[in-house]
Amino acid sequence: MTNTDTGGTDLLERIEETTERAFVEDGDQERFSHYVPRELILESALTGKPVKALCGKLWTPSRDPEKFPICPDCVKVYESMPK
């Protein structure tokens, strides 16, 4: 659906805002480093696309993971995976 008064600009702006909010997760998960396949981290760095951690957290990596403890939920999932 296009808004004829603005040529569709309003619709595009609203979609972008909703997309940005979808990748921001508050809570304890923000205090941890998360396990993500290495190739997805590289892809995210190149494209800006969000990644999904083993615990299910969806975000765009942007900080030094060495400064935070590892997510206990990611550790549980990792340890339950076959070697």
PDB file of N, CA and C in Angstrom:
ATOM      1  N   MET A   1       0.844  -1.172   0.000  1.00  0.00           N
ATOM      2  CA  MET A   1       0.000   0.000   0.000  1.00  0.00           C
ATOM      3  C   MET A   1       0.891   1.239   0.000  1.00  0.00           C
ATOM      4  N   THR A   2       0.612   2.158  -0.886  1.00  0.00           N
ATOM      5  CA  THR A   2       1.414   3.369  -1.009  1.00  0.00           C
ATOM      6  C   THR A   2       0.580   4.575  -0.646  1.00  0.00           C
ATOM      7  N   ASN A   3       1.153   5.478   0.096  1.00  0.00           N
ATOM      8  CA  ASN A   3       0.494   6.725   0.457  1.00  0.00           C
ATOM      9  C   ASN A   3       0.713   7.698  -0.686  1.00  0.00           C
ATOM     10  N   THR A   4      -0.381   8.063  -1.396  1.00  0.00           N
ATOM     11  CA  THR A   4      -0.259   8.922  -2.576  1.00  0.00           C
ATOM     12  C   THR A   4       0.122  10.356  -2.212  1.00  0.00           C
ATOM     13  N   ASP A   5      -0.144  10.785  -0.987  1.00  0.00           N
ATOM     14  CA  ASP A   5       0.207  12.153  -0.587  1.00  0.00           C
ATOM     15  C   ASP A   5       1.715  12.349  -0.488  1.00  0.00           C
ATOM     16  N   THR A   6       2.443  11.316  -0.074  1.00  0.00           N
ATOM     17  CA  THR A   6       3.880  11.464   0.137  1.00  0.00           C
ATOM     18  C   THR A   6       4.701  10.623  -0.827  1.00  0.00           C
ATOM     19  N   GLY A   7       4.055   9.943  -1.734  1.00  0.00           N
ATOM     20  CA  GLY A   7       4.788   9.121  -2.678  1.00  0.00           C
ATOM     21  C   GLY A   7       5.373   7.865  -2.057  1.00  0.00           C
ATOM     22  N   GLY A   8       4.881   7.455  -0.903  1.00  0.00           N
ATOM     23  CA  GLY A   8       5.344   6.229  -0.270  1.00  0.00           C
ATOM     24  C   GLY A   8       6.461   6.421   0.730  1.00  0.00           C
ATOM     25  N   THR A   9       6.960   7.617   0.882  1.00  0.00           N
ATOM     26  CA  THR A   9       8.081   7.854   1.782  1.00  0.00           C
ATOM     27  C   THR A   9       7.749   7.478   3.216  1.00  0.00           C
ATOM     28  N   ASP A  10       6.572   7.843   3.690  1.00  0.00           N
ATOM     29  CA  ASP A  10       6.181   7.531   5.072  1.00  0.00           C
ATOM     30  C   ASP A  10       6.214   6.031   5.328  1.00  0.00           C
ATOM     31  N   LEU A  11       5.736   5.257   4.392  1.00  0.00           N
ATOM     32  CA  LEU A  11       5.705   3.807   4.539  1.00  0.00           C
ATOM     33  C   LEU A  11       7.118   3.249   4.661  1.00  0.00           C
ATOM     34  N   LEU A  12       8.034   3.698   3.827  1.00  0.00           N
ATOM     35  CA  LEU A  12       9.406   3.218   3.881  1.00  0.00           C
ATOM     36  C   LEU A  12      10.069   3.584   5.199  1.00  0.00           C
ATOM     37  N   GLU A  13       9.841   4.770   5.694  1.00  0.00           N
ATOM     38  CA  GLU A  13      10.437   5.193   6.963  1.00  0.00           C
ATOM     39  C   GLU A  13       9.922   4.350   8.113  1.00  0.00           C
ATOM     40  N   ARG A  14       8.644   4.030   8.135  1.00  0.00           N
ATOM     41  CA  ARG A  14       8.082   3.221   9.204  1.00  0.00           C
ATOM     42  C   ARG A  14       8.658   1.817   9.184  1.00  0.00           C
ATOM     43  N   ILE A  15       8.843   1.241   8.019  1.00  0.00           N
ATOM     44  CA  ILE A  15       9.416  -0.102   7.917  1.00  0.00           C
ATOM     45  C   ILE A  15      10.832  -0.105   8.469  1.00  0.00           C
ATOM     46  N   GLU A  16      11.618   0.884   8.134  1.00  0.00           N
ATOM     47  CA  GLU A  16      12.996   0.969   8.611  1.00  0.00           C
ATOM     48  C   GLU A  16      13.045   1.085  10.132  1.00  0.00           C
ATOM     49  N   GLU A  17      12.194   1.913  10.720  1.00  0.00           N
ATOM     50  CA  GLU A  17      12.160   2.063  12.169  1.00  0.00           C
ATOM     51  C   GLU A  17      11.813   0.748  12.848  1.00  0.00           C
ATOM     52  N   THR A  18      10.824   0.034  12.326  1.00  0.00           N
ATOM     53  CA  THR A  18      10.402  -1.243  12.899  1.00  0.00           C
ATOM     54  C   THR A  18      11.527  -2.260  12.813  1.00  0.00           C
ATOM     55  N   THR A  19      12.228  -2.296  11.704  1.00  0.00           N
ATOM     56  CA  THR A  19      13.338  -3.224  11.529  1.00  0.00           C
ATOM     57  C   THR A  19      14.435  -2.947  12.544  1.00  0.00           C
ATOM     58  N   GLU A  20      14.778  -1.690  12.743  1.00  0.00           N
ATOM     59  CA  GLU A  20      15.827  -1.346  13.697  1.00  0.00           C
ATOM     60  C   GLU A  20      15.449  -1.766  15.106  1.00  0.00           C
ATOM     61  N   ARG A  21      14.234  -1.525  15.513  1.00  0.00           N
ATOM     62  CA  ARG A  21      13.788  -1.892  16.853  1.00  0.00           C
ATOM     63  C   ARG A  21      13.788  -3.396  17.059  1.00  0.00           C
ATOM     64  N   ALA A  22      13.542  -4.167  16.021  1.00  0.00           N
ATOM     65  CA  ALA A  22      13.461  -5.616  16.149  1.00  0.00           C
ATOM     66  C   ALA A  22      14.794  -6.229  16.566  1.00  0.00           C
ATOM     67  N   PHE A  23      15.909  -5.558  16.305  1.00  0.00           N
ATOM     68  CA  PHE A  23      17.216  -6.109  16.601  1.00  0.00           C
ATOM     69  C   PHE A  23      17.805  -5.600  17.910  1.00  0.00           C
ATOM     70  N   VAL A  24      17.066  -4.818  18.633  1.00  0.00           N
ATOM     71  CA  VAL A  24      17.531  -4.310  19.914  1.00  0.00           C
ATOM     72  C   VAL A  24      16.844  -5.106  21.003  1.00  0.00           C
ATOM     73  N   GLU A  25      17.625  -5.845  21.763  1.00  0.00           N
ATOM     74  CA  GLU A  25      17.073  -6.633  22.851  1.00  0.00           C
ATOM     75  C   GLU A  25      17.647  -6.136  24.161  1.00  0.00           C
ATOM     76  N   ASP A  26      16.774  -5.808  25.093  1.00  0.00           N
ATOM     77  CA  ASP A  26      17.209  -5.349  26.395  1.00  0.00           C
ATOM     78  C   ASP A  26      17.281  -6.526  27.350  1.00  0.00           C
ATOM     79  N   GLY A  27      17.855  -6.302  28.487  1.00  0.00           N
ATOM     80  CA  GLY A  27      17.881  -7.321  29.525  1.00  0.00           C
ATOM     81  C   GLY A  27      19.272  -7.874  29.752  1.00  0.00           C
ATOM     82  N   ASP A  28      19.326  -8.999  30.452  1.00  0.00           N
ATOM     83  CA  ASP A  28      20.599  -9.608  30.840  1.00  0.00           C
ATOM     84  C   ASP A  28      21.465  -9.995  29.645  1.00  0.00           C
ATOM     85  N   GLN A  29      20.852 -10.308  28.503  1.00  0.00           N
ATOM     86  CA  GLN A  29      21.636 -10.740  27.352  1.00  0.00           C
ATOM     87  C   GLN A  29      22.603  -9.659  26.885  1.00  0.00           C
ATOM     88  N   GLU A  30      22.318  -8.407  27.190  1.00  0.00           N
ATOM     89  CA  GLU A  30      23.198  -7.315  26.784  1.00  0.00           C
ATOM     90  C   GLU A  30      24.494  -7.291  27.584  1.00  0.00           C
ATOM     91  N   ARG A  31      24.554  -8.018  28.676  1.00  0.00           N
ATOM     92  CA  ARG A  31      25.742  -8.009  29.529  1.00  0.00           C
ATOM     93  C   ARG A  31      26.711  -9.128  29.184  1.00  0.00           C
ATOM     94  N   PHE A  32      26.433  -9.918  28.153  1.00  0.00           N
ATOM     95  CA  PHE A  32      27.236 -11.092  27.835  1.00  0.00           C
ATOM     96  C   PHE A  32      27.791 -11.054  26.417  1.00  0.00           C
ATOM     97  N   SER A  33      28.850 -11.834  26.216  1.00  0.00           N
ATOM     98  CA  SER A  33      29.325 -12.174  24.879  1.00  0.00           C
ATOM     99  C   SER A  33      28.600 -13.453  24.486  1.00  0.00           C
ATOM    100  N   HIS A  34      28.303 -13.600  23.213  1.00  0.00           N
ATOM    101  CA  HIS A  34      27.513 -14.742  22.750  1.00  0.00           C
ATOM    102  C   HIS A  34      28.272 -15.570  21.724  1.00  0.00           C
ATOM    103  N   TYR A  35      27.928 -16.861  21.672  1.00  0.00           N
ATOM    104  CA  TYR A  35      28.511 -17.752  20.677  1.00  0.00           C
ATOM    105  C   TYR A  35      27.732 -17.634  19.369  1.00  0.00           C
ATOM    106  N   VAL A  36      28.467 -17.342  18.301  1.00  0.00           N
ATOM    107  CA  VAL A  36      27.916 -17.232  16.959  1.00  0.00           C
ATOM    108  C   VAL A  36      28.940 -17.862  16.021  1.00  0.00           C
ATOM    109  N   PRO A  37      28.496 -18.608  14.999  1.00  0.00           N
ATOM    110  CA  PRO A  37      29.468 -19.153  14.040  1.00  0.00           C
ATOM    111  C   PRO A  37      30.351 -18.050  13.456  1.00  0.00           C
ATOM    112  N   ARG A  38      31.630 -18.330  13.388  1.00  0.00           N
ATOM    113  CA  ARG A  38      32.628 -17.346  12.958  1.00  0.00           C
ATOM    114  C   ARG A  38      32.296 -16.715  11.605  1.00  0.00           C
ATOM    115  N   GLU A  39      31.825 -17.524  10.653  1.00  0.00           N
ATOM    116  CA  GLU A  39      31.516 -16.988   9.325  1.00  0.00           C
ATOM    117  C   GLU A  39      30.356 -15.992   9.365  1.00  0.00           C
ATOM    118  N   LEU A  40      29.436 -16.152  10.323  1.00  0.00           N
ATOM    119  CA  LEU A  40      28.338 -15.189  10.444  1.00  0.00           C
ATOM    120  C   LEU A  40      28.817 -13.858  11.017  1.00  0.00           C
ATOM    121  N   ILE A  41      29.803 -13.906  11.907  1.00  0.00           N
ATOM    122  CA  ILE A  41      30.376 -12.668  12.448  1.00  0.00           C
ATOM    123  C   ILE A  41      31.037 -11.881  11.314  1.00  0.00           C
ATOM    124  N   LEU A  42      31.795 -12.572  10.474  1.00  0.00           N
ATOM    125  CA  LEU A  42      32.459 -11.914   9.353  1.00  0.00           C
ATOM    126  C   LEU A  42      31.428 -11.327   8.395  1.00  0.00           C
ATOM    127  N   GLU A  43      30.397 -12.095   8.071  1.00  0.00           N
ATOM    128  CA  GLU A  43      29.354 -11.602   7.174  1.00  0.00           C
ATOM    129  C   GLU A  43      28.666 -10.363   7.761  1.00  0.00           C
ATOM    130  N   SER A  44      28.380 -10.400   9.055  1.00  0.00           N
ATOM    131  CA  SER A  44      27.744  -9.264   9.708  1.00  0.00           C
ATOM    132  C   SER A  44      28.642  -8.031   9.666  1.00  0.00           C
ATOM    133  N   ALA A  45      29.942  -8.233   9.857  1.00  0.00           N
ATOM    134  CA  ALA A  45      30.882  -7.113   9.811  1.00  0.00           C
ATOM    135  C   ALA A  45      30.908  -6.471   8.421  1.00  0.00           C
ATOM    136  N   LEU A  46      30.753  -7.288   7.386  1.00  0.00           N
ATOM    137  CA  LEU A  46      30.803  -6.783   6.012  1.00  0.00           C
ATOM    138  C   LEU A  46      29.480  -6.181   5.559  1.00  0.00           C
ATOM    139  N   THR A  47      28.362  -6.771   6.001  1.00  0.00           N
ATOM    140  CA  THR A  47      27.054  -6.359   5.491  1.00  0.00           C
ATOM    141  C   THR A  47      26.216  -5.563   6.481  1.00  0.00           C
ATOM    142  N   GLY A  48      26.516  -5.676   7.784  1.00  0.00           N
ATOM    143  CA  GLY A  48      25.705  -5.012   8.792  1.00  0.00           C
ATOM    144  C   GLY A  48      24.461  -5.797   9.173  1.00  0.00           C
ATOM    145  N   LYS A  49      24.315  -6.999   8.613  1.00  0.00           N
ATOM    146  CA  LYS A  49      23.153  -7.831   8.940  1.00  0.00           C
ATOM    147  C   LYS A  49      23.291  -8.383  10.355  1.00  0.00           C
ATOM    148  N   PRO A  50      22.165  -8.539  11.054  1.00  0.00           N
ATOM    149  CA  PRO A  50      22.220  -9.110  12.406  1.00  0.00           C
ATOM    150  C   PRO A  50      22.534 -10.601  12.355  1.00  0.00           C
ATOM    151  N   VAL A  51      23.020 -11.119  13.470  1.00  0.00           N
ATOM    152  CA  VAL A  51      23.324 -12.551  13.608  1.00  0.00           C
ATOM    153  C   VAL A  51      22.495 -13.126  14.739  1.00  0.00           C
ATOM    154  N   LYS A  52      22.380 -14.447  14.759  1.00  0.00           N
ATOM    155  CA  LYS A  52      21.634 -15.121  15.813  1.00  0.00           C
ATOM    156  C   LYS A  52      22.593 -15.993  16.609  1.00  0.00           C
ATOM    157  N   ALA A  53      22.671 -15.737  17.914  1.00  0.00           N
ATOM    158  CA  ALA A  53      23.545 -16.508  18.802  1.00  0.00           C
ATOM    159  C   ALA A  53      22.922 -17.867  19.097  1.00  0.00           C
ATOM    160  N   LEU A  54      23.724 -18.758  19.655  1.00  0.00           N
ATOM    161  CA  LEU A  54      23.224 -20.085  20.007  1.00  0.00           C
ATOM    162  C   LEU A  54      22.049 -20.013  20.979  1.00  0.00           C
ATOM    163  N   CYS A  55      22.025 -19.009  21.836  1.00  0.00           N
ATOM    164  CA  CYS A  55      20.949 -18.853  22.822  1.00  0.00           C
ATOM    165  C   CYS A  55      19.681 -18.268  22.205  1.00  0.00           C
ATOM    166  N   GLY A  56      19.766 -17.799  20.968  1.00  0.00           N
ATOM    167  CA  GLY A  56      18.610 -17.229  20.292  1.00  0.00           C
ATOM    168  C   GLY A  56      18.630 -15.717  20.189  1.00  0.00           C
ATOM    169  N   LYS A  57      19.577 -15.058  20.835  1.00  0.00           N
ATOM    170  CA  LYS A  57      19.652 -13.591  20.773  1.00  0.00           C
ATOM    171  C   LYS A  57      19.962 -13.160  19.350  1.00  0.00           C
ATOM    172  N   LEU A  58      19.229 -12.166  18.865  1.00  0.00           N
ATOM    173  CA  LEU A  58      19.418 -11.619  17.530  1.00  0.00           C
ATOM    174  C   LEU A  58      19.913 -10.188  17.672  1.00  0.00           C
ATOM    175  N   TRP A  59      21.087  -9.893  17.106  1.00  0.00           N
ATOM    176  CA  TRP A  59      21.663  -8.546  17.230  1.00  0.00           C
ATOM    177  C   TRP A  59      22.761  -8.363  16.196  1.00  0.00           C
ATOM    178  N   THR A  60      23.212  -7.125  16.072  1.00  0.00           N
ATOM    179  CA  THR A  60      24.332  -6.807  15.193  1.00  0.00           C
ATOM    180  C   THR A  60      25.553  -6.573  16.076  1.00  0.00           C
ATOM    181  N   PRO A  61      26.555  -7.461  15.992  1.00  0.00           N
ATOM    182  CA  PRO A  61      27.745  -7.317  16.847  1.00  0.00           C
ATOM    183  C   PRO A  61      28.464  -6.002  16.587  1.00  0.00           C
ATOM    184  N   SER A  62      28.848  -5.334  17.678  1.00  0.00           N
ATOM    185  CA  SER A  62      29.537  -4.054  17.508  1.00  0.00           C
ATOM    186  C   SER A  62      30.495  -3.743  18.656  1.00  0.00           C
ATOM    187  N   ARG A  63      30.693  -4.667  19.568  1.00  0.00           N
ATOM    188  CA  ARG A  63      31.554  -4.371  20.719  1.00  0.00           C
ATOM    189  C   ARG A  63      32.564  -5.498  20.920  1.00  0.00           C
ATOM    190  N   ASP A  64      33.564  -5.236  21.728  1.00  0.00           N
ATOM    191  CA  ASP A  64      34.621  -6.194  21.996  1.00  0.00           C
ATOM    192  C   ASP A  64      34.098  -7.296  22.921  1.00  0.00           C
ATOM    193  N   PRO A  65      33.985  -8.539  22.435  1.00  0.00           N
ATOM    194  CA  PRO A  65      33.447  -9.618  23.263  1.00  0.00           C
ATOM    195  C   PRO A  65      34.348  -9.979  24.443  1.00  0.00           C
ATOM    196  N   GLU A  66      35.618  -9.604  24.383  1.00  0.00           N
ATOM    197  CA  GLU A  66      36.556  -9.906  25.462  1.00  0.00           C
ATOM    198  C   GLU A  66      36.228  -9.141  26.745  1.00  0.00           C
ATOM    199  N   LYS A  67      35.427  -8.100  26.636  1.00  0.00           N
ATOM    200  CA  LYS A  67      35.119  -7.255  27.791  1.00  0.00           C
ATOM    201  C   LYS A  67      33.912  -7.750  28.594  1.00  0.00           C
ATOM    202  N   PHE A  68      33.278  -8.841  28.145  1.00  0.00           N
ATOM    203  CA  PHE A  68      32.064  -9.326  28.784  1.00  0.00           C
ATOM    204  C   PHE A  68      32.170 -10.825  29.053  1.00  0.00           C
ATOM    205  N   PRO A  69      31.496 -11.315  30.092  1.00  0.00           N
ATOM    206  CA  PRO A  69      31.487 -12.761  30.337  1.00  0.00           C
ATOM    207  C   PRO A  69      30.663 -13.473  29.251  1.00  0.00           C
ATOM    208  N   ILE A  70      30.914 -14.758  29.073  1.00  0.00           N
ATOM    209  CA  ILE A  70      30.203 -15.537  28.055  1.00  0.00           C
ATOM    210  C   ILE A  70      28.793 -15.864  28.547  1.00  0.00           C
ATOM    211  N   CYS A  71      27.841 -15.764  27.665  1.00  0.00           N
ATOM    212  CA  CYS A  71      26.435 -16.038  27.961  1.00  0.00           C
ATOM    213  C   CYS A  71      26.269 -17.483  28.439  1.00  0.00           C
ATOM    214  N   PRO A  72      25.719 -17.700  29.635  1.00  0.00           N
ATOM    215  CA  PRO A  72      25.556 -19.061  30.142  1.00  0.00           C
ATOM    216  C   PRO A  72      24.611 -19.900  29.285  1.00  0.00           C
ATOM    217  N   ASP A  73      23.624 -19.288  28.651  1.00  0.00           N
ATOM    218  CA  ASP A  73      22.719 -20.044  27.777  1.00  0.00           C
ATOM    219  C   ASP A  73      23.437 -20.514  26.521  1.00  0.00           C
ATOM    220  N   CYS A  74      24.313 -19.676  25.971  1.00  0.00           N
ATOM    221  CA  CYS A  74      25.106 -20.092  24.805  1.00  0.00           C
ATOM    222  C   CYS A  74      26.021 -21.254  25.178  1.00  0.00           C
ATOM    223  N   VAL A  75      26.618 -21.198  26.366  1.00  0.00           N
ATOM    224  CA  VAL A  75      27.504 -22.273  26.823  1.00  0.00           C
ATOM    225  C   VAL A  75      26.733 -23.578  26.925  1.00  0.00           C
ATOM    226  N   LYS A  76      25.531 -23.551  27.494  1.00  0.00           N
ATOM    227  CA  LYS A  76      24.712 -24.767  27.625  1.00  0.00           C
ATOM    228  C   LYS A  76      24.407 -25.373  26.262  1.00  0.00           C
ATOM    229  N   VAL A  77      24.013 -24.542  25.312  1.00  0.00           N
ATOM    230  CA  VAL A  77      23.699 -25.033  23.970  1.00  0.00           C
ATOM    231  C   VAL A  77      24.953 -25.604  23.318  1.00  0.00           C
ATOM    232  N   TYR A  78      26.069 -24.894  23.426  1.00  0.00           N
ATOM    233  CA  TYR A  78      27.325 -25.342  22.829  1.00  0.00           C
ATOM    234  C   TYR A  78      27.757 -26.691  23.389  1.00  0.00           C
ATOM    235  N   GLU A  79      27.658 -26.839  24.707  1.00  0.00           N
ATOM    236  CA  GLU A  79      28.080 -28.084  25.350  1.00  0.00           C
ATOM    237  C   GLU A  79      27.153 -29.250  25.010  1.00  0.00           C
ATOM    238  N   SER A  80      25.923 -28.972  24.629  1.00  0.00           N
ATOM    239  CA  SER A  80      24.997 -30.049  24.291  1.00  0.00           C
ATOM    240  C   SER A  80      25.111 -30.467  22.819  1.00  0.00           C
ATOM    241  N   MET A  81      25.869 -29.700  22.027  1.00  0.00           N
ATOM    242  CA  MET A  81      26.042 -30.015  20.598  1.00  0.00           C
ATOM    243  C   MET A  81      27.014 -31.178  20.434  1.00  0.00           C
ATOM    244  N   PRO A  82      26.759 -32.040  19.425  1.00  0.00           N
ATOM    245  CA  PRO A  82      27.719 -33.133  19.178  1.00  0.00           C
ATOM    246  C   PRO A  82      29.049 -32.569  18.698  1.00  0.00           C
ATOM    247  N   LYS A  83      30.114 -33.198  19.118  1.00  0.00           N
ATOM    248  CA  LYS A  83      31.465 -32.726  18.760  1.00  0.00           C
ATOM    249  C   LYS A  83      31.839 -33.132  17.360  1.00  0.00           C
TER     250      LYS A  83
END
